[in-house]
Amino acid sequence: MMKLLKSIRISKSGASAAEYALILAIVGGGIVAAAITLKGAIGGAMTSTATTITTNA
């Protein structure tokens, strides 16, 4: 196990994987924050669309 950890630490691909994981976490957090912030607006738009479709059907 220690040999594997040492090879990852020395390996450039281990660093790249960690960097990609960090970027993915930041982007994912941004998407979650945007969804929480826009939750009301998205719900209102869906309700308005559903009302229009029901009324015009």
C-alpha atoms as a PDB file:
ATOM      1  CA  MET A   1       0.000   0.000   0.000  1.00  0.00           C
ATOM      2  CA  MET A   2       2.794   2.410   0.889  1.00  0.00           C
ATOM      3  CA  LYS A   3       4.513   1.622  -2.412  1.00  0.00           C
ATOM      4  CA  LEU A   4       1.331   2.597  -4.278  1.00  0.00           C
ATOM      5  CA  LEU A   5       0.983   5.880  -2.358  1.00  0.00           C
ATOM      6  CA  LYS A   6       4.627   6.751  -3.037  1.00  0.00           C
ATOM      7  CA  SER A   7       4.224   6.028  -6.749  1.00  0.00           C
ATOM      8  CA  ILE A   8       1.108   8.234  -6.922  1.00  0.00           C
ATOM      9  CA  ARG A   9       2.895  11.037  -5.091  1.00  0.00           C
ATOM     10  CA  ILE A  10       5.836  10.872  -7.476  1.00  0.00           C
ATOM     11  CA  SER A  11       3.719  10.304 -10.574  1.00  0.00           C
ATOM     12  CA  LYS A  12       2.503  13.308 -12.532  1.00  0.00           C
ATOM     13  CA  SER A  13      -0.811  11.583 -13.299  1.00  0.00           C
ATOM     14  CA  GLY A  14      -1.642  11.447  -9.587  1.00  0.00           C
ATOM     15  CA  ALA A  15      -1.330  15.210  -9.375  1.00  0.00           C
ATOM     16  CA  SER A  16      -3.445  15.645 -12.490  1.00  0.00           C
ATOM     17  CA  ALA A  17      -6.162  13.424 -11.083  1.00  0.00           C
ATOM     18  CA  ALA A  18      -6.239  15.456  -7.879  1.00  0.00           C
ATOM     19  CA  GLU A  19      -6.445  18.694  -9.845  1.00  0.00           C
ATOM     20  CA  TYR A  20      -9.299  17.362 -11.964  1.00  0.00           C
ATOM     21  CA  ALA A  21     -11.131  16.220  -8.840  1.00  0.00           C
ATOM     22  CA  LEU A  22     -10.756  19.691  -7.320  1.00  0.00           C
ATOM     23  CA  ILE A  23     -12.038  21.383 -10.487  1.00  0.00           C
ATOM     24  CA  LEU A  24     -14.967  18.952 -10.619  1.00  0.00           C
ATOM     25  CA  ALA A  25     -15.838  19.707  -6.989  1.00  0.00           C
ATOM     26  CA  ILE A  26     -15.748  23.478  -7.601  1.00  0.00           C
ATOM     27  CA  VAL A  27     -17.880  23.260 -10.760  1.00  0.00           C
ATOM     28  CA  GLY A  28     -20.317  20.894  -9.040  1.00  0.00           C
ATOM     29  CA  GLY A  29     -20.626  23.283  -6.111  1.00  0.00           C
ATOM     30  CA  GLY A  30     -21.346  26.135  -8.511  1.00  0.00           C
ATOM     31  CA  ILE A  31     -24.077  24.155 -10.237  1.00  0.00           C
ATOM     32  CA  VAL A  32     -25.682  23.295  -6.896  1.00  0.00           C
ATOM     33  CA  ALA A  33     -25.505  26.928  -5.745  1.00  0.00           C
ATOM     34  CA  ALA A  34     -27.077  28.132  -9.001  1.00  0.00           C
ATOM     35  CA  ALA A  35     -29.867  25.549  -8.768  1.00  0.00           C
ATOM     36  CA  ILE A  36     -30.650  26.561  -5.188  1.00  0.00           C
ATOM     37  CA  THR A  37     -30.611  30.253  -6.085  1.00  0.00           C
ATOM     38  CA  LEU A  38     -32.810  29.851  -9.178  1.00  0.00           C
ATOM     39  CA  LYS A  39     -35.187  27.293  -7.645  1.00  0.00           C
ATOM     40  CA  GLY A  40     -38.077  29.746  -7.295  1.00  0.00           C
ATOM     41  CA  ALA A  41     -37.674  31.270 -10.747  1.00  0.00           C
ATOM     42  CA  ILE A  42     -37.527  27.868 -12.425  1.00  0.00           C
ATOM     43  CA  GLY A  43     -40.594  26.662 -10.506  1.00  0.00           C
ATOM     44  CA  GLY A  44     -42.505  29.815 -11.455  1.00  0.00           C
ATOM     45  CA  ALA A  45     -41.640  29.412 -15.114  1.00  0.00           C
ATOM     46  CA  MET A  46     -42.762  25.790 -15.100  1.00  0.00           C
ATOM     47  CA  THR A  47     -46.051  26.681 -13.389  1.00  0.00           C
ATOM     48  CA  SER A  48     -46.681  29.506 -15.851  1.00  0.00           C
ATOM     49  CA  THR A  49     -45.974  27.205 -18.797  1.00  0.00           C
ATOM     50  CA  ALA A  50     -48.252  24.492 -17.424  1.00  0.00           C
ATOM     51  CA  THR A  51     -51.056  27.020 -16.878  1.00  0.00           C
ATOM     52  CA  THR A  52     -50.700  28.325 -20.432  1.00  0.00           C
ATOM     53  CA  ILE A  53     -50.755  24.840 -21.904  1.00  0.00           C
ATOM     54  CA  THR A  54     -53.801  23.835 -19.830  1.00  0.00           C
ATOM     55  CA  THR A  55     -55.673  27.035 -20.681  1.00  0.00           C
ATOM     56  CA  ASN A  56     -54.979  26.812 -24.419  1.00  0.00           C
ATOM     57  CA  ALA A  57     -55.582  23.067 -24.738  1.00  0.00           C
END
